[in-house]
Amino acid sequence: MVPIAQSKIPVSAFRTVGLTKVYKTEAGEVHALRGLDVELYKSEAVVMLGPSGSGKSTFLNIIGGLDRPTEGQVYFMGDELTRFDDSALTLYRRHHVGFVFQFYNLIPSLTARENVELVTEISQNPLDPAEALALVGMEHRLNHFPAELSGGEQQRVAVARAVAKRPDVLLCDEPTGALDSKTGISVLEAIEQVNRELETTTILITHNAGIAAMADRVISFADGRVSNVQVNAHKVAARGLVW
C-alpha cells in the first residue's frame, strides 16, 4: 500500500490492480504501463514525476476515462471503471473529472466567462462561472478574450473551466510545461487553491522535480512502473517553490 501524509484514515479515490497498457506499433509492442498497483486518496494532492515515456500520461488518461488498459482494473470510489462502456465513461468524465493540459484549449471567440460557461451549462451542480474564475484569481478578467490574456492567465482560465463543474478529481498533465517559472507558479497556486477549498483530489504530472514539494505524495515513474513514493510531511506552498 502506498503511504499517505494525512494522519486521518484516508478514503480511496482510485485503486488500480495490475494496470498494464501495451501499444502495438510497426516496430513492435511498446509497454507503457507494466502491472501498476496504485492507490490515490480523496482530497489529496499528488505529483507524479518521471521522464517522457515513463507512463505518467498513459496512467492519467486511463484513470480519467480517456483510454482503456490492455489488462488490469481501475476502481473509482469503489466502482470498476474498466467495466464501463463508452456511454458510462462519457458520463464519468462529464460529472466527475476535470482536465487541465499543457495547452489551454480556450475558444478564441469567447471571453473567459464564456469559456467557463461551456462547462457549467452541462453540469449538474456547477459553480457560478464568476465564482470559478475568482477561485483562481481571475475575477478581474471575466470579459477578456484569450488573446488579451497572458499564457499564465489563459491557463488559470483553463483551471477554472475544469473545476467549475465541481469535479471529484482534477487531472493536470504538464500544466506549467509551456510557462516560465514565475508564471507557472501562479498556475500552481490556482491548482493548490482548488485542492484546498473544494477538496478536489488533484493529480499533477510533470517532469519538473521542483514542483514535488507542494504535494502530499510524490509518485515517481520509470519504464512503466512506479519507481519511488515519497510522502511530504511538510508541504511547501506553491508560492515558495523554486526551479
Protein backbone atom coordinates (compact mmCIF):
# COMPACT_ATOMS: atom_id res chain seq x y z
CA MET A 1 0.00 0.00 0.00
CA VAL A 2 1.37 3.40 -0.97
CA PRO A 3 1.54 5.65 2.15
CA ILE A 4 -0.28 8.96 2.55
CA ALA A 5 0.76 12.00 4.51
CA GLN A 6 -2.52 12.78 6.30
CA SER A 7 -2.97 11.30 9.77
CA LYS A 8 -6.70 10.72 9.34
CA ILE A 9 -7.90 7.49 7.79
CA PRO A 10 -7.81 8.06 4.01
CA VAL A 11 -10.71 7.34 1.68
CA SER A 12 -9.75 5.70 -1.59
CA ALA A 13 -10.49 7.71 -4.73
CA PHE A 14 -8.67 5.46 -7.22
CA ARG A 15 -7.24 1.98 -6.96
CA THR A 16 -5.51 0.20 -9.81
CA VAL A 17 -4.71 -3.51 -9.89
CA GLY A 18 -2.18 -4.92 -12.35
CA LEU A 19 -2.67 -1.94 -14.66
CA THR A 20 -1.00 -2.68 -17.98
CA LYS A 21 -1.01 -0.84 -21.29
CA VAL A 22 0.62 -2.18 -24.43
CA TYR A 23 0.63 -0.26 -27.72
CA LYS A 24 1.21 -2.18 -30.93
CA THR A 25 3.37 -0.36 -33.46
CA GLU A 26 5.08 -1.30 -36.70
CA ALA A 27 8.31 -1.63 -34.76
CA GLY A 28 6.72 -3.97 -32.22
CA GLU A 29 4.97 -3.72 -28.86
CA VAL A 30 5.50 -0.73 -26.58
CA HIS A 31 4.80 -1.39 -22.89
CA ALA A 32 3.61 1.95 -21.50
CA LEU A 33 2.45 0.52 -18.15
CA ARG A 34 3.67 -2.69 -16.56
CA GLY A 35 1.28 -4.01 -13.92
CA LEU A 36 0.74 -0.98 -11.68
CA ASP A 37 -0.90 -1.36 -8.25
CA VAL A 38 -1.55 2.19 -7.08
CA GLU A 39 -3.99 3.80 -4.66
CA LEU A 40 -4.88 7.50 -4.73
CA TYR A 41 -6.88 9.11 -1.95
CA LYS A 42 -9.78 11.52 -1.73
CA SER A 43 -8.77 15.18 -1.39
CA GLU A 44 -5.02 14.56 -1.59
CA ALA A 45 -2.64 16.34 -3.93
CA VAL A 46 -0.26 14.02 -5.77
CA VAL A 47 2.61 14.96 -8.06
CA MET A 48 3.68 12.25 -10.50
CA LEU A 49 7.25 12.61 -11.73
CA GLY A 50 9.14 10.90 -14.47
CA PRO A 51 10.82 11.39 -17.84
CA SER A 52 8.95 11.34 -21.13
CA GLY A 53 7.82 7.82 -21.96
CA SER A 54 7.75 6.64 -18.34
CA GLY A 55 3.98 6.07 -18.36
CA LYS A 56 2.66 9.12 -16.50
CA SER A 57 0.32 10.42 -19.19
CA THR A 58 -0.90 6.94 -20.07
CA PHE A 59 -1.79 6.37 -16.42
CA LEU A 60 -3.59 9.73 -16.25
CA ASN A 61 -5.54 9.05 -19.45
CA ILE A 62 -6.72 5.67 -18.16
CA ILE A 63 -7.92 6.87 -14.75
CA GLY A 64 -9.52 9.85 -16.49
CA GLY A 65 -11.55 7.58 -18.76
CA LEU A 66 -9.84 8.76 -21.94
CA ASP A 67 -8.15 5.43 -22.64
CA ARG A 68 -8.54 1.77 -21.66
CA PRO A 69 -5.88 -0.55 -20.27
CA THR A 70 -4.74 -3.69 -22.02
CA GLU A 71 -5.00 -5.57 -18.73
CA GLY A 72 -5.86 -4.81 -15.12
CA GLN A 73 -8.58 -2.92 -13.29
CA VAL A 74 -9.26 0.67 -12.27
CA TYR A 75 -11.64 1.42 -9.41
CA PHE A 76 -13.08 4.88 -8.75
CA MET A 77 -14.81 5.30 -5.39
CA GLY A 78 -15.45 1.56 -5.43
CA ASP A 79 -16.84 1.37 -8.99
CA GLU A 80 -14.80 -0.52 -11.58
CA LEU A 81 -14.16 1.92 -14.41
CA THR A 82 -12.70 -0.81 -16.56
CA ARG A 83 -16.15 -2.40 -16.82
CA PHE A 84 -17.81 0.84 -18.02
CA ASP A 85 -19.00 1.06 -21.62
CA ASP A 86 -18.31 4.17 -23.71
CA SER A 87 -21.54 5.89 -22.62
CA ALA A 88 -20.82 5.34 -18.93
CA LEU A 89 -17.26 6.62 -19.37
CA THR A 90 -18.59 9.76 -21.04
CA LEU A 91 -20.84 10.44 -18.05
CA TYR A 92 -17.95 9.69 -15.69
CA ARG A 93 -15.75 12.27 -17.42
CA ARG A 94 -18.56 14.81 -17.59
CA HIS A 95 -19.59 14.67 -13.96
CA HIS A 96 -16.53 13.57 -12.01
CA VAL A 97 -13.31 14.60 -13.77
CA GLY A 98 -11.74 17.95 -14.64
CA PHE A 99 -8.80 18.02 -17.06
CA VAL A 100 -6.01 20.60 -17.39
CA PHE A 101 -3.46 20.09 -20.16
CA GLN A 102 -0.24 21.83 -21.17
CA PHE A 103 -2.06 23.80 -23.86
CA TYR A 104 -5.05 25.81 -22.77
CA ASN A 105 -7.58 24.90 -25.50
CA LEU A 106 -9.66 28.00 -24.89
CA ILE A 107 -12.08 29.09 -27.62
CA PRO A 108 -10.64 32.36 -29.01
CA SER A 109 -14.01 33.94 -29.82
CA LEU A 110 -15.32 33.55 -26.25
CA THR A 111 -14.47 35.56 -23.16
CA ALA A 112 -13.03 33.99 -20.04
CA ARG A 113 -16.51 33.84 -18.51
CA GLU A 114 -17.99 32.31 -21.66
CA ASN A 115 -15.26 29.67 -21.87
CA VAL A 116 -16.14 28.57 -18.33
CA GLU A 117 -19.87 28.71 -19.07
CA LEU A 118 -19.39 26.00 -21.70
CA VAL A 119 -18.85 23.57 -18.82
CA THR A 120 -21.36 24.96 -16.33
CA GLU A 121 -24.22 24.72 -18.85
CA ILE A 122 -23.92 20.92 -18.99
CA SER A 123 -23.04 20.27 -15.34
CA GLN A 124 -25.28 19.02 -12.54
CA ASN A 125 -24.22 21.32 -9.71
CA PRO A 126 -21.75 23.83 -11.11
CA LEU A 127 -20.06 26.82 -9.61
CA ASP A 128 -21.10 30.17 -11.00
CA PRO A 129 -18.57 30.99 -13.76
CA ALA A 130 -17.55 34.19 -11.98
CA GLU A 131 -17.03 32.23 -8.75
CA ALA A 132 -14.88 29.66 -10.55
CA LEU A 133 -12.74 32.40 -12.08
CA ALA A 134 -12.42 34.15 -8.71
CA LEU A 135 -11.21 30.89 -7.20
CA VAL A 136 -8.15 31.03 -9.48
CA GLY A 137 -7.61 34.78 -9.16
CA MET A 138 -9.17 35.78 -12.48
CA GLU A 139 -12.23 37.70 -11.28
CA HIS A 140 -10.84 40.89 -12.84
CA ARG A 141 -10.59 39.33 -16.32
CA LEU A 142 -14.11 37.93 -16.78
CA ASN A 143 -14.82 39.72 -20.04
CA HIS A 144 -11.42 39.42 -21.67
CA PHE A 145 -10.78 37.21 -24.67
CA PRO A 146 -7.90 34.69 -24.68
CA ALA A 147 -5.82 36.90 -26.99
CA GLU A 148 -6.00 39.62 -24.32
CA LEU A 149 -4.60 37.30 -21.63
CA SER A 150 -1.08 36.15 -20.85
CA GLY A 151 -0.19 32.47 -21.03
CA GLY A 152 -0.49 32.09 -17.28
CA GLU A 153 -3.85 33.85 -17.25
CA GLN A 154 -5.13 31.60 -20.02
CA GLN A 155 -4.04 28.53 -18.08
CA ARG A 156 -5.80 29.81 -14.95
CA VAL A 157 -8.97 30.21 -17.01
CA ALA A 158 -8.47 26.61 -18.15
CA VAL A 159 -8.23 25.55 -14.49
CA ALA A 160 -11.41 27.49 -13.70
CA ARG A 161 -13.17 25.78 -16.58
CA ALA A 162 -12.03 22.38 -15.35
CA VAL A 163 -13.23 22.91 -11.78
CA ALA A 164 -16.44 24.84 -12.49
CA LYS A 165 -18.43 21.60 -12.57
CA ARG A 166 -17.16 20.74 -9.05
CA PRO A 167 -15.33 17.58 -10.16
CA ASP A 168 -14.27 14.95 -7.68
CA VAL A 169 -10.91 14.72 -9.44
CA LEU A 170 -8.66 17.26 -11.16
CA LEU A 171 -6.14 15.69 -13.55
CA CYS A 172 -3.35 18.00 -14.69
CA ASP A 173 -0.93 16.94 -17.43
CA GLU A 174 2.13 19.23 -17.53
CA PRO A 175 0.03 22.34 -16.73
CA THR A 176 3.14 24.54 -16.43
CA GLY A 177 5.11 22.95 -19.28
CA ALA A 178 4.68 25.91 -21.62
CA LEU A 179 5.24 28.58 -18.95
CA ASP A 180 8.22 30.26 -17.31
CA SER A 181 8.74 29.58 -13.59
CA LYS A 182 7.09 32.76 -12.29
CA THR A 183 4.00 32.30 -14.45
CA GLY A 184 3.94 28.57 -13.75
CA ILE A 185 3.89 29.18 -10.01
CA SER A 186 0.82 31.41 -10.41
CA VAL A 187 -0.93 28.49 -12.12
CA LEU A 188 0.17 26.07 -9.39
CA GLU A 189 -1.22 28.48 -6.79
CA ALA A 190 -4.58 28.26 -8.57
CA ILE A 191 -4.44 24.45 -8.55
CA GLU A 192 -3.42 24.49 -4.89
CA GLN A 193 -6.38 26.76 -4.06
CA VAL A 194 -8.81 24.38 -5.76
CA ASN A 195 -7.41 21.38 -3.88
CA ARG A 196 -7.67 23.23 -0.57
CA GLU A 197 -11.06 24.93 -0.94
CA LEU A 198 -13.00 22.35 -2.97
CA GLU A 199 -11.11 19.33 -1.53
CA THR A 200 -10.74 18.03 -5.07
CA THR A 201 -8.45 15.03 -5.47
CA THR A 202 -5.65 16.52 -7.53
CA ILE A 203 -3.15 14.60 -9.66
CA LEU A 204 -0.46 16.64 -11.38
CA ILE A 205 2.06 15.01 -13.71
CA THR A 206 5.28 16.72 -14.64
CA HIS A 207 8.94 16.13 -15.45
CA ASN A 208 9.80 19.10 -13.20
CA ALA A 209 11.02 17.83 -9.83
CA GLY A 210 10.84 21.35 -8.41
CA ILE A 211 7.06 21.07 -8.20
CA ALA A 212 7.13 17.96 -5.99
CA ALA A 213 7.34 19.82 -2.67
CA MET A 214 3.75 21.13 -2.95
CA ALA A 215 2.24 17.61 -2.97
CA ASP A 216 1.02 15.35 -0.19
CA ARG A 217 2.77 12.50 -2.00
CA VAL A 218 5.20 12.24 -4.88
CA ILE A 219 4.96 9.14 -7.06
CA SER A 220 7.85 8.62 -9.46
CA PHE A 221 7.51 6.62 -12.68
CA ALA A 222 10.21 4.84 -14.70
CA ASP A 223 9.75 2.47 -17.62
CA GLY A 224 6.02 1.98 -17.00
CA ARG A 225 6.40 1.21 -13.30
CA VAL A 226 6.27 3.11 -10.01
CA SER A 227 9.91 3.51 -9.04
CA ASN A 228 9.55 5.50 -5.81
CA VAL A 229 6.94 7.01 -3.47
CA GLN A 230 7.70 9.94 -1.18
CA VAL A 231 5.42 11.38 1.50
CA ASN A 232 5.83 15.10 2.15
CA ALA A 233 5.22 15.52 5.87
CA HIS A 234 5.53 19.28 5.43
CA LYS A 235 4.27 20.62 2.12
CA VAL A 236 5.67 23.79 0.59
CA ALA A 237 3.15 26.36 -0.62
CA ALA A 238 3.24 26.85 -4.37
CA ARG A 239 4.46 30.42 -3.96
CA GLY A 240 7.54 29.06 -2.18
CA LEU A 241 8.61 26.71 -4.98
CA VAL A 242 11.85 27.27 -6.86
CA TRP A 243 13.06 25.70 -10.09
